């Protein structure tokens, strides 16, 4: 039985990493497992947001709007507002977590990985669809990393990220 079940997972993870947790080791393992799944879910949601907005298959919000333009249905309006809310949330969170320099470095890393894949022959620059998929997934992963950065940073450095209240 946990003595302090109300502690948030992030605080439990900080205590586990620092060796200051007096609870059973099982709780620390549960938090570590939930951290990994949390990162995976954030990455999946970020990639889904990007691909729902636009993808090369022709089944995306962008294509839905273009096919019916200039008229917009209520469903398209609701879907558009929901996507916009998702984009604002993900982009603001990513910028807050990584900062402009961190986002630029993360994008540069993934751009270099795409370049490397092209040089190995795994991606064809002439295949616009394959390049679009690579760029879109890369954008989703950057947003997912930004959303998960506090957990990733905690795991790598043992330092917790907190919001400042001024």
N, C-alpha and C. Protein backbone atom coordinates (compact mmCIF):
# COMPACT_ATOMS: atom_id res chain seq x y z
N UNK A 1 0.84 -1.17 0.00
CA UNK A 1 0.00 0.00 0.00
C UNK A 1 0.89 1.25 0.00
N UNK A 2 0.63 2.19 -0.92
CA UNK A 2 1.40 3.42 -1.00
C UNK A 2 0.99 4.37 0.12
N UNK A 3 1.97 4.99 0.75
CA UNK A 3 1.68 5.95 1.81
C UNK A 3 1.18 7.25 1.21
N UNK A 4 1.76 7.66 0.04
CA UNK A 4 1.39 8.92 -0.59
C UNK A 4 0.88 8.67 -2.01
N UNK A 5 -0.31 8.11 -2.17
CA UNK A 5 -0.79 7.78 -3.50
C UNK A 5 -1.13 9.02 -4.34
N UNK A 6 -1.21 10.18 -3.72
CA UNK A 6 -1.62 11.37 -4.45
C UNK A 6 -0.45 12.05 -5.17
N UNK A 7 0.78 11.57 -4.99
CA UNK A 7 1.91 12.20 -5.66
C UNK A 7 1.81 12.00 -7.16
N UNK A 8 2.02 13.06 -7.93
CA UNK A 8 2.02 12.91 -9.38
C UNK A 8 3.19 12.03 -9.84
N UNK A 9 3.01 11.38 -10.98
CA UNK A 9 4.04 10.48 -11.49
C UNK A 9 5.39 11.17 -11.66
N UNK A 10 5.38 12.43 -12.10
CA UNK A 10 6.63 13.13 -12.31
C UNK A 10 7.39 13.29 -11.00
N UNK A 11 6.69 13.62 -9.92
CA UNK A 11 7.35 13.77 -8.63
C UNK A 11 7.87 12.42 -8.13
N UNK A 12 7.11 11.37 -8.33
CA UNK A 12 7.57 10.03 -7.94
C UNK A 12 8.82 9.68 -8.73
N UNK A 13 8.83 9.99 -10.03
CA UNK A 13 9.99 9.70 -10.87
C UNK A 13 11.21 10.47 -10.38
N UNK A 14 11.04 11.72 -9.99
CA UNK A 14 12.15 12.52 -9.47
C UNK A 14 12.69 11.88 -8.20
N UNK A 15 11.80 11.50 -7.31
CA UNK A 15 12.24 10.87 -6.06
C UNK A 15 12.93 9.53 -6.31
N UNK A 16 12.41 8.76 -7.26
CA UNK A 16 13.02 7.46 -7.58
C UNK A 16 14.43 7.67 -8.12
N UNK A 17 14.59 8.64 -9.06
CA UNK A 17 15.89 8.90 -9.66
C UNK A 17 16.88 9.41 -8.63
N UNK A 18 16.41 10.17 -7.67
CA UNK A 18 17.29 10.75 -6.67
C UNK A 18 17.56 9.78 -5.52
N UNK A 19 16.87 8.64 -5.50
CA UNK A 19 17.05 7.68 -4.43
C UNK A 19 16.39 8.12 -3.13
N UNK A 20 15.46 9.07 -3.21
CA UNK A 20 14.80 9.60 -2.01
C UNK A 20 13.39 9.05 -1.87
N UNK A 21 13.09 7.95 -2.44
CA UNK A 21 11.73 7.41 -2.40
C UNK A 21 11.70 6.25 -1.43
N UNK A 22 10.86 6.31 -0.45
CA UNK A 22 10.80 5.28 0.58
C UNK A 22 9.74 4.24 0.28
N UNK A 23 9.02 4.41 -0.82
CA UNK A 23 7.96 3.47 -1.18
C UNK A 23 8.57 2.23 -1.83
N UNK A 24 7.77 1.21 -2.02
CA UNK A 24 8.30 0.01 -2.66
C UNK A 24 8.84 0.31 -4.05
N UNK A 25 9.85 -0.46 -4.45
CA UNK A 25 10.48 -0.29 -5.76
C UNK A 25 9.48 -0.48 -6.90
N UNK A 26 8.42 -1.23 -6.65
CA UNK A 26 7.38 -1.49 -7.65
C UNK A 26 6.80 -0.18 -8.19
N UNK A 27 6.58 0.80 -7.32
CA UNK A 27 6.01 2.09 -7.75
C UNK A 27 6.96 2.80 -8.70
N UNK A 28 8.27 2.74 -8.43
CA UNK A 28 9.25 3.37 -9.32
C UNK A 28 9.23 2.70 -10.69
N UNK A 29 9.12 1.40 -10.73
CA UNK A 29 9.08 0.70 -12.01
C UNK A 29 7.82 1.02 -12.78
N UNK A 30 6.70 1.16 -12.08
CA UNK A 30 5.44 1.53 -12.73
C UNK A 30 5.55 2.90 -13.38
N UNK A 31 6.17 3.83 -12.67
CA UNK A 31 6.32 5.19 -13.19
C UNK A 31 7.24 5.19 -14.41
N UNK A 32 8.35 4.43 -14.35
CA UNK A 32 9.26 4.37 -15.49
C UNK A 32 8.56 3.79 -16.71
N UNK A 33 7.74 2.75 -16.51
CA UNK A 33 7.01 2.16 -17.62
C UNK A 33 5.98 3.14 -18.18
N UNK A 34 5.28 3.86 -17.28
CA UNK A 34 4.29 4.82 -17.74
C UNK A 34 4.95 6.01 -18.44
N UNK A 35 6.17 6.36 -18.04
CA UNK A 35 6.91 7.43 -18.72
C UNK A 35 7.17 7.05 -20.17
N UNK A 36 7.63 5.83 -20.41
CA UNK A 36 7.91 5.38 -21.77
C UNK A 36 6.63 5.35 -22.59
N UNK A 37 5.57 4.82 -22.03
CA UNK A 37 4.30 4.78 -22.76
C UNK A 37 3.75 6.18 -22.99
N UNK A 38 3.97 7.08 -22.04
CA UNK A 38 3.55 8.47 -22.22
C UNK A 38 4.26 9.13 -23.38
N UNK A 39 5.56 8.88 -23.51
CA UNK A 39 6.32 9.42 -24.63
C UNK A 39 5.81 8.85 -25.94
N UNK A 40 5.58 7.54 -25.96
CA UNK A 40 5.08 6.89 -27.18
C UNK A 40 3.72 7.47 -27.57
N UNK A 41 2.82 7.62 -26.61
CA UNK A 41 1.50 8.17 -26.91
C UNK A 41 1.59 9.61 -27.42
N UNK A 42 2.46 10.41 -26.81
CA UNK A 42 2.62 11.79 -27.27
C UNK A 42 3.15 11.84 -28.70
N UNK A 43 4.12 10.97 -29.00
CA UNK A 43 4.65 10.89 -30.37
C UNK A 43 3.55 10.49 -31.35
N UNK A 44 2.76 9.48 -30.98
CA UNK A 44 1.68 9.03 -31.86
C UNK A 44 0.64 10.11 -32.09
N UNK A 45 0.26 10.82 -31.03
CA UNK A 45 -0.72 11.90 -31.19
C UNK A 45 -0.17 13.03 -32.05
N UNK A 46 1.10 13.36 -31.88
CA UNK A 46 1.71 14.43 -32.68
C UNK A 46 1.76 14.05 -34.16
N UNK A 47 2.18 12.82 -34.44
CA UNK A 47 2.23 12.36 -35.84
C UNK A 47 0.82 12.30 -36.41
N UNK A 48 -0.14 11.85 -35.61
CA UNK A 48 -1.54 11.80 -36.08
C UNK A 48 -2.05 13.20 -36.39
N UNK A 49 -1.73 14.18 -35.56
CA UNK A 49 -2.16 15.56 -35.82
C UNK A 49 -1.63 16.05 -37.16
N UNK A 50 -0.35 15.81 -37.39
CA UNK A 50 0.27 16.24 -38.65
C UNK A 50 -0.38 15.53 -39.83
N UNK A 51 -0.54 14.22 -39.74
CA UNK A 51 -1.07 13.44 -40.87
C UNK A 51 -2.56 13.65 -41.09
N UNK A 52 -3.30 13.97 -40.04
CA UNK A 52 -4.72 14.31 -40.23
C UNK A 52 -4.87 15.66 -40.93
N UNK A 53 -3.93 16.55 -40.67
CA UNK A 53 -3.97 17.86 -41.31
C UNK A 53 -3.62 17.76 -42.79
N UNK A 54 -2.54 17.04 -43.10
CA UNK A 54 -2.15 16.83 -44.50
C UNK A 54 -1.36 15.55 -44.61
N UNK A 55 -1.61 14.80 -45.67
CA UNK A 55 -0.80 13.65 -46.02
C UNK A 55 -0.94 13.39 -47.52
N UNK A 56 0.01 12.68 -48.11
CA UNK A 56 0.00 12.49 -49.57
C UNK A 56 -1.07 11.53 -50.09
N UNK A 57 -1.82 10.87 -49.23
CA UNK A 57 -2.82 9.90 -49.72
C UNK A 57 -4.04 10.58 -50.31
N UNK A 58 -4.24 11.84 -50.02
CA UNK A 58 -5.44 12.54 -50.48
C UNK A 58 -6.58 12.46 -49.49
N UNK A 59 -6.35 11.85 -48.34
CA UNK A 59 -7.36 11.74 -47.28
C UNK A 59 -6.88 12.51 -46.06
N UNK A 60 -7.06 13.80 -46.09
CA UNK A 60 -6.65 14.65 -44.99
C UNK A 60 -7.58 15.85 -44.93
N UNK A 61 -7.44 16.63 -43.88
CA UNK A 61 -8.28 17.82 -43.74
C UNK A 61 -8.03 18.79 -44.90
N UNK A 62 -6.79 18.94 -45.28
CA UNK A 62 -6.45 19.82 -46.40
C UNK A 62 -7.20 19.41 -47.66
N UNK A 63 -7.19 18.13 -47.97
CA UNK A 63 -7.87 17.64 -49.18
C UNK A 63 -9.38 17.77 -49.05
N UNK A 64 -9.90 17.58 -47.84
CA UNK A 64 -11.33 17.76 -47.60
C UNK A 64 -11.75 19.19 -47.91
N UNK A 65 -10.94 20.16 -47.49
CA UNK A 65 -11.25 21.55 -47.76
C UNK A 65 -11.12 21.90 -49.24
N UNK A 66 -10.04 21.43 -49.85
CA UNK A 66 -9.79 21.76 -51.26
C UNK A 66 -10.88 21.19 -52.16
N UNK A 67 -11.33 19.98 -51.87
CA UNK A 67 -12.35 19.34 -52.71
C UNK A 67 -13.68 20.09 -52.68
N UNK A 68 -14.04 20.70 -51.57
CA UNK A 68 -15.33 21.36 -51.46
C UNK A 68 -15.27 22.87 -51.53
N UNK A 69 -14.07 23.42 -51.76
CA UNK A 69 -13.91 24.87 -51.74
C UNK A 69 -14.75 25.52 -52.83
N UNK A 70 -15.41 26.61 -52.60
CA UNK A 70 -15.32 27.57 -51.50
C UNK A 70 -16.31 27.31 -50.38
N UNK A 71 -17.20 26.32 -50.51
CA UNK A 71 -18.16 26.08 -49.42
C UNK A 71 -17.52 25.22 -48.33
N UNK A 72 -17.91 25.49 -47.10
CA UNK A 72 -17.40 24.73 -45.95
C UNK A 72 -18.59 24.21 -45.17
N UNK A 73 -18.58 22.92 -44.87
CA UNK A 73 -19.67 22.31 -44.11
C UNK A 73 -19.42 22.52 -42.61
N UNK A 74 -20.45 22.37 -41.80
CA UNK A 74 -20.25 22.48 -40.34
C UNK A 74 -19.24 21.47 -39.82
N UNK A 75 -19.24 20.26 -40.37
CA UNK A 75 -18.26 19.25 -39.95
C UNK A 75 -16.84 19.73 -40.23
N UNK A 76 -16.62 20.32 -41.42
CA UNK A 76 -15.30 20.82 -41.77
C UNK A 76 -14.88 21.96 -40.84
N UNK A 77 -15.84 22.79 -40.45
CA UNK A 77 -15.53 23.89 -39.52
C UNK A 77 -15.13 23.35 -38.15
N UNK A 78 -15.89 22.38 -37.65
CA UNK A 78 -15.57 21.79 -36.34
C UNK A 78 -14.22 21.08 -36.40
N UNK A 79 -14.01 20.29 -37.44
CA UNK A 79 -12.73 19.58 -37.59
C UNK A 79 -11.57 20.56 -37.70
N UNK A 80 -11.77 21.65 -38.43
CA UNK A 80 -10.73 22.65 -38.57
C UNK A 80 -10.38 23.33 -37.26
N UNK A 81 -11.40 23.66 -36.48
CA UNK A 81 -11.15 24.30 -35.19
C UNK A 81 -10.45 23.32 -34.25
N UNK A 82 -10.85 22.05 -34.25
CA UNK A 82 -10.19 21.05 -33.41
C UNK A 82 -8.72 20.87 -33.82
N UNK A 83 -8.47 20.81 -35.12
CA UNK A 83 -7.08 20.70 -35.58
C UNK A 83 -6.27 21.93 -35.20
N UNK A 84 -6.88 23.10 -35.34
CA UNK A 84 -6.19 24.34 -34.97
C UNK A 84 -5.86 24.35 -33.47
N UNK A 85 -6.80 23.92 -32.65
CA UNK A 85 -6.53 23.82 -31.21
C UNK A 85 -5.37 22.87 -30.95
N UNK A 86 -5.37 21.72 -31.63
CA UNK A 86 -4.27 20.76 -31.48
C UNK A 86 -2.93 21.35 -31.89
N UNK A 87 -2.91 22.04 -33.03
CA UNK A 87 -1.67 22.65 -33.50
C UNK A 87 -1.16 23.72 -32.53
N UNK A 88 -2.05 24.57 -32.06
CA UNK A 88 -1.64 25.62 -31.12
C UNK A 88 -1.08 24.98 -29.85
N UNK A 89 -1.77 23.98 -29.34
CA UNK A 89 -1.33 23.30 -28.12
C UNK A 89 0.03 22.64 -28.31
N UNK A 90 0.21 21.88 -29.39
CA UNK A 90 1.45 21.17 -29.62
C UNK A 90 2.61 22.13 -29.91
N UNK A 91 2.38 23.13 -30.75
CA UNK A 91 3.46 24.05 -31.10
C UNK A 91 3.87 24.89 -29.90
N UNK A 92 2.90 25.41 -29.16
CA UNK A 92 3.24 26.21 -27.96
C UNK A 92 3.97 25.36 -26.92
N UNK A 93 3.51 24.15 -26.71
CA UNK A 93 4.16 23.27 -25.73
C UNK A 93 5.57 22.92 -26.16
N UNK A 94 5.75 22.65 -27.46
CA UNK A 94 7.06 22.31 -27.97
C UNK A 94 8.01 23.50 -27.85
N UNK A 95 7.55 24.69 -28.22
CA UNK A 95 8.40 25.87 -28.09
C UNK A 95 8.72 26.17 -26.63
N UNK A 96 7.76 25.98 -25.74
CA UNK A 96 8.01 26.23 -24.32
C UNK A 96 9.02 25.23 -23.76
N UNK A 97 8.93 23.98 -24.20
CA UNK A 97 9.82 22.94 -23.67
C UNK A 97 11.23 23.03 -24.26
N UNK A 98 11.32 23.17 -25.57
CA UNK A 98 12.62 23.12 -26.24
C UNK A 98 13.22 24.49 -26.51
N UNK A 99 12.37 25.50 -26.62
CA UNK A 99 12.86 26.82 -27.02
C UNK A 99 13.10 26.82 -28.52
N UNK A 100 13.29 28.00 -29.07
CA UNK A 100 13.50 28.14 -30.51
C UNK A 100 14.78 27.43 -30.95
N UNK A 101 15.84 27.57 -30.18
CA UNK A 101 17.10 26.91 -30.52
C UNK A 101 16.95 25.40 -30.47
N UNK A 102 16.28 24.89 -29.45
CA UNK A 102 16.07 23.44 -29.34
C UNK A 102 15.26 22.89 -30.48
N UNK A 103 14.21 23.62 -30.88
CA UNK A 103 13.40 23.19 -32.02
C UNK A 103 14.25 23.19 -33.28
N UNK A 104 15.04 24.26 -33.47
CA UNK A 104 15.90 24.34 -34.65
C UNK A 104 16.92 23.19 -34.69
N UNK A 105 17.51 22.88 -33.55
CA UNK A 105 18.48 21.78 -33.50
C UNK A 105 17.81 20.43 -33.74
N UNK A 106 16.62 20.24 -33.19
CA UNK A 106 15.90 18.98 -33.41
C UNK A 106 15.51 18.82 -34.87
N UNK A 107 15.03 19.90 -35.49
CA UNK A 107 14.70 19.85 -36.92
C UNK A 107 15.96 19.58 -37.73
N UNK A 108 17.07 20.24 -37.38
CA UNK A 108 18.33 20.02 -38.09
C UNK A 108 18.78 18.56 -37.98
N UNK A 109 18.62 17.97 -36.79
CA UNK A 109 18.99 16.57 -36.60
C UNK A 109 18.17 15.67 -37.52
N UNK A 110 16.86 15.86 -37.53
CA UNK A 110 16.02 15.01 -38.36
C UNK A 110 16.21 15.28 -39.85
N UNK A 111 16.50 16.52 -40.20
CA UNK A 111 16.81 16.82 -41.61
C UNK A 111 18.09 16.11 -42.03
N UNK A 112 19.07 16.08 -41.15
CA UNK A 112 20.32 15.37 -41.44
C UNK A 112 20.07 13.87 -41.56
N UNK A 113 19.17 13.34 -40.74
CA UNK A 113 18.83 11.91 -40.83
C UNK A 113 18.16 11.62 -42.17
N UNK A 114 17.25 12.49 -42.61
CA UNK A 114 16.61 12.31 -43.91
C UNK A 114 17.66 12.39 -45.02
N UNK A 115 18.56 13.33 -44.92
CA UNK A 115 19.64 13.47 -45.90
C UNK A 115 20.48 12.20 -45.94
N UNK A 116 20.80 11.66 -44.77
CA UNK A 116 21.57 10.43 -44.66
C UNK A 116 20.82 9.27 -45.33
N UNK A 117 19.51 9.20 -45.09
CA UNK A 117 18.70 8.14 -45.71
C UNK A 117 18.69 8.28 -47.23
N UNK A 118 18.68 9.51 -47.72
CA UNK A 118 18.75 9.75 -49.17
C UNK A 118 20.10 9.29 -49.69
N UNK A 119 21.18 9.62 -48.98
CA UNK A 119 22.52 9.24 -49.42
C UNK A 119 22.72 7.73 -49.42
N UNK A 120 22.02 7.02 -48.54
CA UNK A 120 22.11 5.55 -48.50
C UNK A 120 21.21 4.89 -49.55
N UNK A 121 20.35 5.70 -50.18
CA UNK A 121 19.45 5.17 -51.19
C UNK A 121 18.14 4.66 -50.63
N UNK A 122 17.89 4.89 -49.36
CA UNK A 122 16.64 4.43 -48.75
C UNK A 122 15.47 5.33 -49.12
N UNK A 123 15.75 6.60 -49.41
CA UNK A 123 14.74 7.56 -49.85
C UNK A 123 15.16 8.12 -51.19
N UNK A 124 14.18 8.30 -52.07
CA UNK A 124 14.44 8.86 -53.40
C UNK A 124 13.93 10.29 -53.44
N UNK A 125 14.83 11.23 -53.69
CA UNK A 125 14.45 12.64 -53.74
C UNK A 125 13.44 12.88 -54.86
N UNK A 126 13.48 12.09 -55.90
CA UNK A 126 12.55 12.24 -57.01
C UNK A 126 11.15 11.75 -56.69
N UNK A 127 10.99 10.98 -55.63
CA UNK A 127 9.68 10.47 -55.23
C UNK A 127 9.07 11.45 -54.23
N UNK A 128 8.22 12.34 -54.75
CA UNK A 128 7.64 13.39 -53.92
C UNK A 128 6.81 12.83 -52.77
N UNK A 129 6.10 11.73 -53.01
CA UNK A 129 5.27 11.15 -51.96
C UNK A 129 6.12 10.63 -50.80
N UNK A 130 7.20 9.91 -51.12
CA UNK A 130 8.07 9.38 -50.07
C UNK A 130 8.73 10.51 -49.28
N UNK A 131 9.16 11.56 -49.97
CA UNK A 131 9.78 12.70 -49.29
C UNK A 131 8.76 13.42 -48.41
N UNK A 132 7.52 13.54 -48.90
CA UNK A 132 6.47 14.17 -48.10
C UNK A 132 6.21 13.38 -46.83
N UNK A 133 6.12 12.05 -46.96
CA UNK A 133 5.92 11.21 -45.78
C UNK A 133 7.06 11.40 -44.78
N UNK A 134 8.30 11.42 -45.28
CA UNK A 134 9.46 11.57 -44.40
C UNK A 134 9.40 12.91 -43.66
N UNK A 135 9.10 13.98 -44.38
CA UNK A 135 9.05 15.30 -43.76
C UNK A 135 7.89 15.40 -42.77
N UNK A 136 6.73 14.86 -43.13
CA UNK A 136 5.57 14.93 -42.24
C UNK A 136 5.79 14.13 -40.96
N UNK A 137 6.33 12.94 -41.09
CA UNK A 137 6.61 12.13 -39.90
C UNK A 137 7.68 12.82 -39.05
N UNK A 138 8.69 13.41 -39.71
CA UNK A 138 9.72 14.14 -38.99
C UNK A 138 9.11 15.29 -38.19
N UNK A 139 8.21 16.04 -38.81
CA UNK A 139 7.54 17.14 -38.12
C UNK A 139 6.74 16.63 -36.91
N UNK A 140 6.02 15.52 -37.10
CA UNK A 140 5.27 14.93 -35.99
C UNK A 140 6.17 14.47 -34.86
N UNK A 141 7.31 13.89 -35.19
CA UNK A 141 8.24 13.43 -34.16
C UNK A 141 8.83 14.63 -33.41
N UNK A 142 9.14 15.71 -34.12
CA UNK A 142 9.65 16.91 -33.45
C UNK A 142 8.61 17.44 -32.46
N UNK A 143 7.34 17.50 -32.88
CA UNK A 143 6.28 17.95 -31.96
C UNK A 143 6.13 16.98 -30.79
N UNK A 144 6.22 15.67 -31.06
CA UNK A 144 6.11 14.68 -29.99
C UNK A 144 7.26 14.77 -29.00
N UNK A 145 8.46 15.02 -29.49
CA UNK A 145 9.61 15.20 -28.60
C UNK A 145 9.41 16.44 -27.74
N UNK A 146 8.92 17.50 -28.35
CA UNK A 146 8.66 18.72 -27.58
C UNK A 146 7.63 18.49 -26.49
N UNK A 147 6.59 17.72 -26.80
CA UNK A 147 5.57 17.42 -25.81
C UNK A 147 6.10 16.54 -24.68
N UNK A 148 7.10 15.72 -24.98
CA UNK A 148 7.63 14.77 -24.00
C UNK A 148 8.94 15.23 -23.38
N UNK A 149 9.39 16.42 -23.72
CA UNK A 149 10.74 16.81 -23.34
C UNK A 149 10.99 16.80 -21.84
N UNK A 150 10.04 17.20 -21.02
CA UNK A 150 10.29 17.21 -19.58
C UNK A 150 10.55 15.80 -19.06
N UNK A 151 9.84 14.83 -19.58
CA UNK A 151 10.06 13.43 -19.16
C UNK A 151 11.38 12.91 -19.70
N UNK A 152 11.70 13.23 -20.96
CA UNK A 152 12.96 12.79 -21.55
C UNK A 152 14.14 13.40 -20.79
N UNK A 153 14.04 14.68 -20.50
CA UNK A 153 15.10 15.37 -19.77
C UNK A 153 15.28 14.78 -18.38
N UNK A 154 14.19 14.46 -17.72
CA UNK A 154 14.26 13.85 -16.39
C UNK A 154 14.99 12.51 -16.47
N UNK A 155 14.67 11.71 -17.47
CA UNK A 155 15.30 10.39 -17.61
C UNK A 155 16.78 10.51 -17.94
N UNK A 156 17.14 11.49 -18.77
CA UNK A 156 18.53 11.63 -19.19
C UNK A 156 19.40 12.30 -18.13
N UNK A 157 18.88 13.32 -17.47
CA UNK A 157 19.72 14.11 -16.57
C UNK A 157 19.35 14.00 -15.10
N UNK A 158 18.13 13.53 -14.82
CA UNK A 158 17.68 13.50 -13.44
C UNK A 158 17.15 14.84 -12.96
N UNK A 159 17.09 15.82 -13.87
CA UNK A 159 16.59 17.14 -13.52
C UNK A 159 15.15 17.29 -13.98
N UNK A 160 14.30 17.72 -13.09
CA UNK A 160 12.89 17.92 -13.43
C UNK A 160 12.69 19.32 -13.99
N UNK A 161 11.82 19.42 -14.96
CA UNK A 161 11.44 20.73 -15.52
C UNK A 161 10.14 21.17 -14.87
N UNK A 162 10.12 22.39 -14.41
CA UNK A 162 8.90 22.94 -13.82
C UNK A 162 8.60 24.28 -14.43
N UNK A 163 7.34 24.66 -14.41
CA UNK A 163 6.95 25.97 -14.91
C UNK A 163 7.22 27.02 -13.84
N UNK A 164 7.70 28.16 -14.29
CA UNK A 164 7.91 29.28 -13.35
C UNK A 164 6.61 30.07 -13.25
N UNK A 165 6.28 30.42 -12.04
CA UNK A 165 5.13 31.29 -11.82
C UNK A 165 5.65 32.59 -11.26
N UNK A 166 5.59 33.63 -12.06
CA UNK A 166 6.14 34.93 -11.64
C UNK A 166 5.06 35.83 -11.13
